[in-house]
């Protein structure tokens, strides 16, 4: 190799942590078409197994995994594995509380579903943050405050519906109905 020719850059290594198999396959194919090497895990155990043989530079993590598991534990494990990894959290249960926790644990960005490959790739590029975000003077509504409190408590309990309902002083079915109404698919 001559000094004028540089070695080709290694493709970005992406780990997708998502329990919805169809969505994970679609996302994986889309990123593969963009030149990423992609692996998929459906939870924390598979993620840890993947990390033994794969060194991701990027990760996409679903916040709510099967069995009431939290993607926050996956974010924490990924960040502990490589603190330079760019991690984007996707969720259908967006809240300020979970966004703050995801960032504290090492995510570089947090996106509400539905998000596509363009959104995720743009989020990888915005890891540094910006002061250009528009600030608003709009106050939060009672519904928004309730939604934020529910999600803060959900995060505290590891997304355990029964314990969250107990802490909030409401019936479990009432909480499940509220979550069902707000869920983004």
N, C-alpha and C. Protein backbone atom coordinates (compact mmCIF):
# COMPACT_ATOMS: atom_id res chain seq x y z
N UNK A 1 0.86 -1.17 0.00
CA UNK A 1 0.00 0.00 0.00
C UNK A 1 0.91 1.24 0.00
N UNK A 2 0.61 2.15 -0.86
CA UNK A 2 1.40 3.38 -0.93
C UNK A 2 0.85 4.38 0.06
N UNK A 3 1.65 5.39 0.43
CA UNK A 3 1.19 6.39 1.39
C UNK A 3 -0.03 7.17 0.89
N UNK A 4 -0.22 7.23 -0.44
CA UNK A 4 -1.35 7.98 -0.99
C UNK A 4 -2.68 7.25 -0.85
N UNK A 5 -2.64 5.94 -0.66
CA UNK A 5 -3.88 5.17 -0.57
C UNK A 5 -4.12 4.78 0.88
N UNK A 6 -5.24 5.14 1.35
CA UNK A 6 -5.61 4.81 2.73
C UNK A 6 -6.39 3.51 2.74
N UNK A 7 -6.28 2.79 3.85
CA UNK A 7 -7.05 1.57 4.00
C UNK A 7 -8.52 1.92 4.06
N UNK A 8 -9.38 1.11 3.45
CA UNK A 8 -10.81 1.42 3.51
C UNK A 8 -11.30 1.36 4.96
N UNK A 9 -12.18 2.28 5.29
CA UNK A 9 -12.72 2.33 6.65
C UNK A 9 -13.58 1.10 6.91
N UNK A 10 -13.47 0.59 8.11
CA UNK A 10 -14.30 -0.57 8.49
C UNK A 10 -15.76 -0.11 8.57
N UNK A 11 -16.68 -0.96 8.16
CA UNK A 11 -18.08 -0.55 8.24
C UNK A 11 -18.51 -0.41 9.70
N UNK A 12 -19.45 0.49 9.98
CA UNK A 12 -19.95 0.61 11.35
C UNK A 12 -20.59 -0.71 11.79
N UNK A 13 -20.39 -1.05 13.05
CA UNK A 13 -20.93 -2.28 13.62
C UNK A 13 -22.15 -1.92 14.46
N UNK A 14 -23.33 -2.42 14.10
CA UNK A 14 -24.57 -2.05 14.78
C UNK A 14 -25.19 -3.25 15.49
N UNK A 15 -25.55 -3.05 16.75
CA UNK A 15 -26.29 -4.06 17.50
C UNK A 15 -27.69 -3.51 17.76
N UNK A 16 -28.70 -4.25 17.33
CA UNK A 16 -30.09 -3.87 17.55
C UNK A 16 -30.65 -4.74 18.67
N UNK A 17 -31.15 -4.10 19.73
CA UNK A 17 -31.76 -4.83 20.84
C UNK A 17 -33.25 -4.54 20.77
N UNK A 18 -34.00 -5.52 20.26
CA UNK A 18 -35.42 -5.34 19.98
C UNK A 18 -36.11 -6.69 20.07
N UNK A 19 -37.22 -6.77 20.81
CA UNK A 19 -37.93 -8.04 20.96
C UNK A 19 -38.99 -8.27 19.88
N UNK A 20 -39.31 -7.28 19.09
CA UNK A 20 -40.24 -7.43 17.97
C UNK A 20 -39.43 -7.90 16.77
N UNK A 21 -39.48 -9.21 16.50
CA UNK A 21 -38.65 -9.81 15.45
C UNK A 21 -38.82 -9.19 14.08
N UNK A 22 -40.06 -8.90 13.68
CA UNK A 22 -40.31 -8.33 12.36
C UNK A 22 -39.68 -6.94 12.25
N UNK A 23 -39.86 -6.12 13.28
CA UNK A 23 -39.29 -4.77 13.26
C UNK A 23 -37.76 -4.85 13.25
N UNK A 24 -37.20 -5.75 14.06
CA UNK A 24 -35.74 -5.90 14.13
C UNK A 24 -35.18 -6.31 12.77
N UNK A 25 -35.83 -7.26 12.08
CA UNK A 25 -35.36 -7.70 10.77
C UNK A 25 -35.42 -6.56 9.75
N UNK A 26 -36.52 -5.81 9.77
CA UNK A 26 -36.67 -4.69 8.83
C UNK A 26 -35.60 -3.64 9.07
N UNK A 27 -35.39 -3.29 10.33
CA UNK A 27 -34.38 -2.30 10.69
C UNK A 27 -32.98 -2.80 10.31
N UNK A 28 -32.71 -4.08 10.58
CA UNK A 28 -31.41 -4.66 10.25
C UNK A 28 -31.15 -4.60 8.74
N UNK A 29 -32.13 -4.99 7.94
CA UNK A 29 -31.95 -4.95 6.48
C UNK A 29 -31.71 -3.53 5.99
N UNK A 30 -32.43 -2.59 6.56
CA UNK A 30 -32.29 -1.19 6.15
C UNK A 30 -30.88 -0.68 6.47
N UNK A 31 -30.36 -1.01 7.65
CA UNK A 31 -29.01 -0.56 8.01
C UNK A 31 -27.94 -1.31 7.21
N UNK A 32 -28.18 -2.58 6.90
CA UNK A 32 -27.23 -3.34 6.09
C UNK A 32 -27.10 -2.71 4.70
N UNK A 33 -28.22 -2.24 4.13
CA UNK A 33 -28.18 -1.57 2.83
C UNK A 33 -27.36 -0.28 2.90
N UNK A 34 -27.23 0.29 4.09
CA UNK A 34 -26.44 1.52 4.27
C UNK A 34 -24.99 1.22 4.63
N UNK A 35 -24.61 -0.05 4.60
CA UNK A 35 -23.21 -0.40 4.84
C UNK A 35 -22.85 -0.82 6.24
N UNK A 36 -23.81 -0.96 7.13
CA UNK A 36 -23.55 -1.39 8.50
C UNK A 36 -23.44 -2.91 8.56
N UNK A 37 -22.61 -3.41 9.46
CA UNK A 37 -22.63 -4.82 9.84
C UNK A 37 -23.58 -4.90 11.02
N UNK A 38 -24.62 -5.74 10.93
CA UNK A 38 -25.69 -5.71 11.93
C UNK A 38 -25.85 -7.06 12.61
N UNK A 39 -26.06 -7.01 13.91
CA UNK A 39 -26.46 -8.17 14.71
C UNK A 39 -27.68 -7.76 15.52
N UNK A 40 -28.50 -8.76 15.89
CA UNK A 40 -29.74 -8.49 16.63
C UNK A 40 -29.75 -9.33 17.90
N UNK A 41 -30.23 -8.72 18.98
CA UNK A 41 -30.46 -9.42 20.25
C UNK A 41 -31.86 -9.05 20.71
N UNK A 42 -32.55 -9.99 21.37
CA UNK A 42 -33.92 -9.67 21.80
C UNK A 42 -34.02 -9.33 23.29
N UNK A 43 -32.89 -9.24 23.97
CA UNK A 43 -32.91 -8.90 25.39
C UNK A 43 -31.50 -8.85 25.95
N UNK A 44 -31.41 -8.65 27.25
CA UNK A 44 -30.12 -8.48 27.92
C UNK A 44 -29.22 -9.71 27.80
N UNK A 45 -29.79 -10.90 27.96
CA UNK A 45 -28.96 -12.12 27.88
C UNK A 45 -28.35 -12.29 26.50
N UNK A 46 -29.17 -12.11 25.45
CA UNK A 46 -28.64 -12.23 24.08
C UNK A 46 -27.64 -11.12 23.79
N UNK A 47 -27.89 -9.93 24.32
CA UNK A 47 -26.96 -8.81 24.14
C UNK A 47 -25.60 -9.19 24.72
N UNK A 48 -25.59 -9.72 25.94
CA UNK A 48 -24.32 -10.09 26.58
C UNK A 48 -23.61 -11.19 25.80
N UNK A 49 -24.37 -12.12 25.23
CA UNK A 49 -23.77 -13.17 24.41
C UNK A 49 -23.17 -12.58 23.14
N UNK A 50 -23.86 -11.65 22.52
CA UNK A 50 -23.36 -11.00 21.30
C UNK A 50 -22.06 -10.24 21.58
N UNK A 51 -21.98 -9.58 22.73
CA UNK A 51 -20.81 -8.77 23.06
C UNK A 51 -19.54 -9.62 23.24
N UNK A 52 -19.71 -10.91 23.44
CA UNK A 52 -18.54 -11.79 23.57
C UNK A 52 -17.84 -11.98 22.23
N UNK A 53 -18.59 -11.83 21.10
CA UNK A 53 -18.00 -12.09 19.78
C UNK A 53 -18.14 -10.92 18.82
N UNK A 54 -18.77 -9.84 19.24
CA UNK A 54 -19.08 -8.73 18.35
C UNK A 54 -18.75 -7.43 19.07
N UNK A 55 -18.12 -6.50 18.37
CA UNK A 55 -17.75 -5.22 18.97
C UNK A 55 -18.51 -4.08 18.27
N UNK A 56 -19.73 -3.82 18.71
CA UNK A 56 -20.52 -2.78 18.04
C UNK A 56 -19.97 -1.37 18.30
N UNK A 57 -20.10 -0.55 17.27
CA UNK A 57 -19.76 0.86 17.40
C UNK A 57 -21.03 1.69 17.62
N UNK A 58 -22.18 1.10 17.25
CA UNK A 58 -23.48 1.74 17.35
C UNK A 58 -24.48 0.72 17.91
N UNK A 59 -25.52 1.22 18.58
CA UNK A 59 -26.58 0.33 19.08
C UNK A 59 -27.91 1.06 19.03
N UNK A 60 -28.96 0.29 18.75
CA UNK A 60 -30.34 0.77 18.83
C UNK A 60 -31.02 -0.14 19.83
N UNK A 61 -31.60 0.46 20.88
CA UNK A 61 -32.19 -0.32 21.97
C UNK A 61 -33.64 0.08 22.17
N UNK A 62 -34.53 -0.91 22.15
CA UNK A 62 -35.94 -0.66 22.47
C UNK A 62 -36.04 -0.52 23.99
N UNK A 63 -36.79 0.47 24.45
CA UNK A 63 -36.90 0.73 25.89
C UNK A 63 -37.66 -0.38 26.60
N UNK A 64 -38.75 -0.86 26.00
CA UNK A 64 -39.60 -1.86 26.65
C UNK A 64 -39.42 -3.18 25.93
N UNK A 65 -38.80 -4.13 26.58
CA UNK A 65 -38.55 -5.44 25.99
C UNK A 65 -39.54 -6.46 26.57
N UNK A 66 -39.60 -7.62 25.97
CA UNK A 66 -40.54 -8.67 26.39
C UNK A 66 -40.36 -9.02 27.86
N UNK A 67 -41.46 -9.40 28.49
CA UNK A 67 -41.41 -9.81 29.88
C UNK A 67 -41.19 -8.66 30.83
N UNK A 68 -41.65 -7.49 30.46
CA UNK A 68 -41.50 -6.28 31.27
C UNK A 68 -40.04 -5.94 31.56
N UNK A 69 -39.13 -6.42 30.69
CA UNK A 69 -37.71 -6.09 30.84
C UNK A 69 -37.48 -4.66 30.36
N UNK A 70 -36.49 -4.03 30.92
CA UNK A 70 -36.18 -2.65 30.58
C UNK A 70 -34.96 -2.57 29.67
N UNK A 71 -35.10 -1.81 28.59
CA UNK A 71 -33.96 -1.55 27.72
C UNK A 71 -32.89 -0.72 28.41
N UNK A 72 -33.26 -0.05 29.51
CA UNK A 72 -32.28 0.75 30.25
C UNK A 72 -31.13 -0.12 30.77
N UNK A 73 -31.44 -1.35 31.17
CA UNK A 73 -30.38 -2.26 31.62
C UNK A 73 -29.45 -2.60 30.45
N UNK A 74 -30.01 -2.69 29.25
CA UNK A 74 -29.20 -2.96 28.06
C UNK A 74 -28.31 -1.75 27.74
N UNK A 75 -28.86 -0.55 27.86
CA UNK A 75 -28.07 0.66 27.63
C UNK A 75 -26.89 0.69 28.60
N UNK A 76 -27.17 0.39 29.85
CA UNK A 76 -26.12 0.39 30.87
C UNK A 76 -25.03 -0.64 30.53
N UNK A 77 -25.43 -1.84 30.11
CA UNK A 77 -24.46 -2.88 29.76
C UNK A 77 -23.64 -2.48 28.54
N UNK A 78 -24.29 -1.91 27.53
CA UNK A 78 -23.57 -1.48 26.33
C UNK A 78 -22.57 -0.37 26.65
N UNK A 79 -22.98 0.60 27.45
CA UNK A 79 -22.10 1.71 27.82
C UNK A 79 -20.92 1.20 28.65
N UNK A 80 -21.17 0.24 29.53
CA UNK A 80 -20.09 -0.34 30.33
C UNK A 80 -19.11 -1.10 29.44
N UNK A 81 -19.62 -1.73 28.39
CA UNK A 81 -18.77 -2.48 27.46
C UNK A 81 -17.86 -1.54 26.66
N UNK A 82 -18.43 -0.40 26.20
CA UNK A 82 -17.66 0.57 25.41
C UNK A 82 -18.31 1.94 25.56
N UNK A 83 -17.69 2.80 26.34
CA UNK A 83 -18.31 4.09 26.61
C UNK A 83 -18.30 5.05 25.41
N UNK A 84 -17.62 4.67 24.33
CA UNK A 84 -17.63 5.49 23.11
C UNK A 84 -18.73 5.06 22.13
N UNK A 85 -19.41 3.96 22.44
CA UNK A 85 -20.47 3.46 21.55
C UNK A 85 -21.61 4.47 21.47
N UNK A 86 -22.14 4.67 20.26
CA UNK A 86 -23.28 5.55 20.06
C UNK A 86 -24.55 4.72 20.23
N UNK A 87 -25.35 5.05 21.23
CA UNK A 87 -26.54 4.27 21.58
C UNK A 87 -27.77 5.16 21.43
N UNK A 88 -28.75 4.67 20.65
CA UNK A 88 -30.02 5.37 20.49
C UNK A 88 -31.11 4.48 21.09
N UNK A 89 -31.93 5.08 21.94
CA UNK A 89 -33.05 4.35 22.55
C UNK A 89 -34.32 4.68 21.77
N UNK A 90 -35.08 3.65 21.42
CA UNK A 90 -36.38 3.80 20.76
C UNK A 90 -37.46 3.40 21.74
N UNK A 91 -38.56 4.14 21.74
CA UNK A 91 -39.64 3.75 22.64
C UNK A 91 -41.00 4.18 22.14
N UNK A 92 -41.98 3.38 22.42
CA UNK A 92 -43.37 3.73 22.20
C UNK A 92 -43.96 4.32 23.47
N UNK A 93 -43.17 4.40 24.53
CA UNK A 93 -43.60 4.90 25.83
C UNK A 93 -42.73 6.09 26.22
N UNK A 94 -42.67 7.09 25.37
CA UNK A 94 -41.77 8.22 25.59
C UNK A 94 -42.18 9.04 26.81
N UNK A 95 -41.19 9.38 27.61
CA UNK A 95 -41.42 10.26 28.76
C UNK A 95 -40.10 10.95 29.10
N UNK A 96 -40.21 12.06 29.76
CA UNK A 96 -39.00 12.79 30.16
C UNK A 96 -38.18 11.95 31.13
N UNK A 97 -38.84 11.28 32.06
CA UNK A 97 -38.13 10.49 33.07
C UNK A 97 -37.27 9.39 32.42
N UNK A 98 -37.85 8.64 31.48
CA UNK A 98 -37.08 7.56 30.86
C UNK A 98 -36.01 8.13 29.93
N UNK A 99 -36.29 9.27 29.29
CA UNK A 99 -35.28 9.89 28.43
C UNK A 99 -34.07 10.31 29.26
N UNK A 100 -34.32 10.93 30.39
CA UNK A 100 -33.23 11.37 31.26
C UNK A 100 -32.42 10.18 31.74
N UNK A 101 -33.09 9.13 32.17
CA UNK A 101 -32.38 7.93 32.65
C UNK A 101 -31.55 7.30 31.53
N UNK A 102 -32.11 7.23 30.33
CA UNK A 102 -31.38 6.64 29.20
C UNK A 102 -30.10 7.41 28.93
N UNK A 103 -30.18 8.74 28.94
CA UNK A 103 -29.01 9.57 28.70
C UNK A 103 -28.00 9.42 29.83
N UNK A 104 -28.47 9.40 31.08
CA UNK A 104 -27.57 9.21 32.23
C UNK A 104 -26.81 7.89 32.13
N UNK A 105 -27.50 6.85 31.59
CA UNK A 105 -26.89 5.52 31.52
C UNK A 105 -25.98 5.34 30.31
N UNK A 106 -25.95 6.34 29.41
CA UNK A 106 -25.00 6.26 28.30
C UNK A 106 -25.57 6.37 26.91
N UNK A 107 -26.88 6.52 26.75
CA UNK A 107 -27.44 6.70 25.41
C UNK A 107 -27.06 8.08 24.89
N UNK A 108 -26.88 8.19 23.58
CA UNK A 108 -26.57 9.50 23.00
C UNK A 108 -27.84 10.19 22.52
N UNK A 109 -28.92 9.40 22.34
CA UNK A 109 -30.17 10.00 21.88
C UNK A 109 -31.33 9.09 22.24
N UNK A 110 -32.53 9.66 22.20
CA UNK A 110 -33.76 8.98 22.62
C UNK A 110 -34.83 9.38 21.61
N UNK A 111 -35.44 8.42 20.94
CA UNK A 111 -36.46 8.70 19.92
C UNK A 111 -37.76 7.98 20.23
N UNK A 112 -38.86 8.67 20.01
CA UNK A 112 -40.18 8.05 20.16
C UNK A 112 -40.52 7.31 18.87
N UNK A 113 -41.15 6.15 19.00
CA UNK A 113 -41.62 5.42 17.83
C UNK A 113 -42.86 6.12 17.31
N UNK A 114 -43.14 6.08 16.06
CA UNK A 114 -42.37 5.39 15.03
C UNK A 114 -41.17 6.23 14.59
N UNK A 115 -40.04 5.59 14.48
CA UNK A 115 -38.82 6.23 13.96
C UNK A 115 -38.28 5.33 12.86
N UNK A 116 -37.72 5.95 11.84
CA UNK A 116 -37.18 5.14 10.74
C UNK A 116 -35.66 5.19 10.75
N UNK A 117 -35.06 4.54 9.77
CA UNK A 117 -33.61 4.45 9.68
C UNK A 117 -32.98 5.84 9.56
N UNK A 118 -33.61 6.72 8.79
CA UNK A 118 -33.08 8.09 8.65
C UNK A 118 -33.04 8.80 10.00
N UNK A 119 -34.13 8.67 10.79
CA UNK A 119 -34.19 9.30 12.11
C UNK A 119 -33.08 8.77 13.02
N UNK A 120 -32.90 7.45 13.00
CA UNK A 120 -31.91 6.82 13.88
C UNK A 120 -30.50 7.23 13.47
N UNK A 121 -30.23 7.20 12.17
CA UNK A 121 -28.90 7.57 11.70
C UNK A 121 -28.61 9.05 12.01
N UNK A 122 -29.62 9.90 11.87
CA UNK A 122 -29.45 11.31 12.24
C UNK A 122 -29.16 11.45 13.73
N UNK A 123 -29.82 10.64 14.55
CA UNK A 123 -29.59 10.67 16.00
C UNK A 123 -28.16 10.26 16.33
N UNK A 124 -27.60 9.28 15.60
CA UNK A 124 -26.20 8.90 15.81
C UNK A 124 -25.29 10.11 15.55
N UNK A 125 -25.65 10.91 14.57
CA UNK A 125 -24.85 12.07 14.22
C UNK A 125 -24.99 13.24 15.17
N UNK A 126 -26.00 13.20 16.04
CA UNK A 126 -26.23 14.30 16.98
C UNK A 126 -25.82 13.92 18.39
N UNK A 127 -24.81 13.11 18.52
CA UNK A 127 -24.39 12.62 19.84
C UNK A 127 -23.87 13.72 20.75
N UNK A 128 -23.36 14.79 20.19
CA UNK A 128 -22.77 15.85 20.99
C UNK A 128 -23.79 16.81 21.59
N UNK A 129 -25.00 16.84 21.08
CA UNK A 129 -25.99 17.79 21.57
C UNK A 129 -25.82 19.14 20.89
N UNK A 130 -26.83 19.97 21.02
CA UNK A 130 -26.80 21.28 20.38
C UNK A 130 -27.54 22.30 21.23
N UNK A 131 -27.12 23.53 21.11
CA UNK A 131 -27.81 24.62 21.80
C UNK A 131 -28.88 25.23 20.91
N UNK A 132 -29.07 24.68 19.72
CA UNK A 132 -30.01 25.22 18.75
C UNK A 132 -31.44 24.71 18.93
N UNK A 133 -31.70 23.88 19.93
CA UNK A 133 -33.04 23.35 20.16
C UNK A 133 -33.96 24.49 20.57
N UNK A 134 -35.13 24.52 19.95
CA UNK A 134 -36.09 25.59 20.23
C UNK A 134 -36.68 25.42 21.63
N UNK A 135 -36.66 26.51 22.40
CA UNK A 135 -37.25 26.51 23.74
C UNK A 135 -38.66 27.08 23.63
N UNK A 136 -39.60 26.49 24.36
CA UNK A 136 -40.97 26.97 24.30
C UNK A 136 -41.40 27.46 25.68
N UNK A 137 -42.41 28.29 25.71
CA UNK A 137 -42.96 28.80 26.97
C UNK A 137 -44.23 28.06 27.36
N UNK A 138 -44.56 27.02 26.63
CA UNK A 138 -45.79 26.29 26.89
C UNK A 138 -45.68 25.48 28.18
N UNK A 139 -46.67 25.59 29.04
CA UNK A 139 -46.65 24.82 30.28
C UNK A 139 -47.24 23.43 30.02
N UNK A 140 -46.89 22.50 30.88
CA UNK A 140 -47.38 21.13 30.73
C UNK A 140 -48.81 21.02 31.21
N UNK A 141 -49.60 20.22 30.50
CA UNK A 141 -50.98 19.99 30.89
C UNK A 141 -51.02 18.96 32.02
N UNK A 142 -52.18 18.86 32.65
CA UNK A 142 -52.36 17.86 33.72
C UNK A 142 -52.15 16.46 33.15
N UNK A 143 -52.66 16.21 31.94
CA UNK A 143 -52.49 14.89 31.32
C UNK A 143 -51.01 14.59 31.10
N UNK A 144 -50.26 15.58 30.64
CA UNK A 144 -48.82 15.38 30.42
C UNK A 144 -48.11 15.12 31.73
N UNK A 145 -48.44 15.87 32.76
CA UNK A 145 -47.82 15.67 34.07
C UNK A 145 -48.14 14.28 34.62
N UNK A 146 -49.40 13.85 34.44
CA UNK A 146 -49.78 12.50 34.88
C UNK A 146 -48.98 11.46 34.12
N UNK A 147 -48.89 11.62 32.80
CA UNK A 147 -48.16 10.69 31.95
C UNK A 147 -46.70 10.61 32.37
N UNK A 148 -46.09 11.77 32.65
CA UNK A 148 -44.70 11.80 33.09
C UNK A 148 -44.52 11.09 34.42
N UNK A 149 -45.43 11.31 35.35
CA UNK A 149 -45.33 10.66 36.67
C UNK A 149 -45.48 9.15 36.54
N UNK A 150 -46.41 8.71 35.70
CA UNK A 150 -46.60 7.27 35.47
C UNK A 150 -45.30 6.67 34.94
N UNK A 151 -44.69 7.31 33.94
CA UNK A 151 -43.48 6.76 33.34
C UNK A 151 -42.27 6.85 34.25
N UNK A 152 -42.21 7.87 35.07
CA UNK A 152 -41.14 7.96 36.05
C UNK A 152 -41.23 6.78 37.01
N UNK A 153 -42.44 6.49 37.47
CA UNK A 153 -42.65 5.37 38.39
C UNK A 153 -42.42 4.04 37.69
N UNK A 154 -42.84 3.93 36.43
CA UNK A 154 -42.57 2.71 35.65
C UNK A 154 -41.06 2.45 35.59
N UNK A 155 -40.29 3.48 35.30
CA UNK A 155 -38.84 3.33 35.22
C UNK A 155 -38.25 2.92 36.57
N UNK A 156 -38.76 3.51 37.64
CA UNK A 156 -38.27 3.19 38.99
C UNK A 156 -38.52 1.73 39.35
N UNK A 157 -39.64 1.17 38.85
CA UNK A 157 -40.01 -0.20 39.18
C UNK A 157 -39.55 -1.22 38.14
N UNK A 158 -38.74 -0.78 37.19
CA UNK A 158 -38.29 -1.71 36.16
C UNK A 158 -39.43 -2.15 35.26
N UNK A 159 -40.41 -1.26 35.03
CA UNK A 159 -41.57 -1.50 34.17
C UNK A 159 -42.48 -2.61 34.70
N UNK A 160 -42.54 -2.74 36.03
CA UNK A 160 -43.45 -3.67 36.68
C UNK A 160 -44.79 -2.95 36.87
N UNK A 161 -45.81 -3.39 36.12
CA UNK A 161 -47.12 -2.72 36.12
C UNK A 161 -47.77 -2.78 37.50
N UNK A 162 -47.76 -3.94 38.14
CA UNK A 162 -48.42 -4.09 39.43
C UNK A 162 -47.79 -3.19 40.49
N UNK A 163 -46.47 -3.17 40.55
CA UNK A 163 -45.78 -2.34 41.54
C UNK A 163 -45.98 -0.86 41.24
N UNK A 164 -45.97 -0.50 39.97
CA UNK A 164 -46.20 0.90 39.59
C UNK A 164 -47.59 1.34 40.03
N UNK A 165 -48.59 0.51 39.77
CA UNK A 165 -49.97 0.84 40.18
C UNK A 165 -50.05 1.00 41.69
N UNK A 166 -49.39 0.10 42.44
CA UNK A 166 -49.41 0.19 43.90
C UNK A 166 -48.80 1.51 44.36
N UNK A 167 -47.65 1.87 43.80
CA UNK A 167 -46.98 3.12 44.20
C UNK A 167 -47.79 4.36 43.83
N UNK A 168 -48.54 4.29 42.74
CA UNK A 168 -49.35 5.43 42.32
C UNK A 168 -50.72 5.46 42.98
N UNK A 169 -51.05 4.39 43.73
CA UNK A 169 -52.33 4.34 44.43
C UNK A 169 -53.51 4.15 43.50
N UNK A 170 -53.30 3.37 42.42
CA UNK A 170 -54.41 3.10 41.50
C UNK A 170 -54.48 1.60 41.23
N UNK A 171 -55.62 1.17 40.72
CA UNK A 171 -55.80 -0.23 40.40
C UNK A 171 -54.94 -0.58 39.19
N UNK A 172 -54.41 -1.79 39.17
CA UNK A 172 -53.55 -2.24 38.08
C UNK A 172 -54.25 -2.14 36.73
N UNK A 173 -55.52 -2.49 36.66
CA UNK A 173 -56.26 -2.42 35.39
C UNK A 173 -56.43 -0.98 34.92
N UNK A 174 -56.60 -0.07 35.85
CA UNK A 174 -56.71 1.35 35.49
C UNK A 174 -55.41 1.82 34.86
N UNK A 175 -54.30 1.45 35.47
CA UNK A 175 -52.99 1.81 34.92
C UNK A 175 -52.80 1.17 33.54
N UNK A 176 -53.16 -0.09 33.40
CA UNK A 176 -53.02 -0.77 32.10
C UNK A 176 -53.85 -0.06 31.03
N UNK A 177 -55.06 0.38 31.39
CA UNK A 177 -55.90 1.13 30.42
C UNK A 177 -55.24 2.43 30.03
N UNK A 178 -54.70 3.16 30.99
CA UNK A 178 -54.03 4.43 30.70
C UNK A 178 -52.83 4.20 29.77
N UNK A 179 -52.06 3.17 30.03
CA UNK A 179 -50.92 2.87 29.19
C UNK A 179 -51.36 2.45 27.79
N UNK A 180 -52.44 1.69 27.71
CA UNK A 180 -52.97 1.26 26.42
C UNK A 180 -53.44 2.41 25.57
N UNK A 181 -54.02 3.45 26.20
CA UNK A 181 -54.49 4.61 25.46
C UNK A 181 -53.35 5.43 24.90
N UNK A 182 -52.22 5.50 25.58
CA UNK A 182 -51.11 6.35 25.19
C UNK A 182 -50.06 5.65 24.33
N UNK A 183 -50.15 4.34 24.23
CA UNK A 183 -49.12 3.57 23.56
C UNK A 183 -49.01 3.97 22.09
N UNK A 184 -47.77 4.16 21.62
CA UNK A 184 -47.50 4.43 20.21
C UNK A 184 -46.98 3.16 19.61
N UNK A 185 -47.58 2.72 18.52
CA UNK A 185 -47.12 1.46 17.90
C UNK A 185 -46.33 1.70 16.67
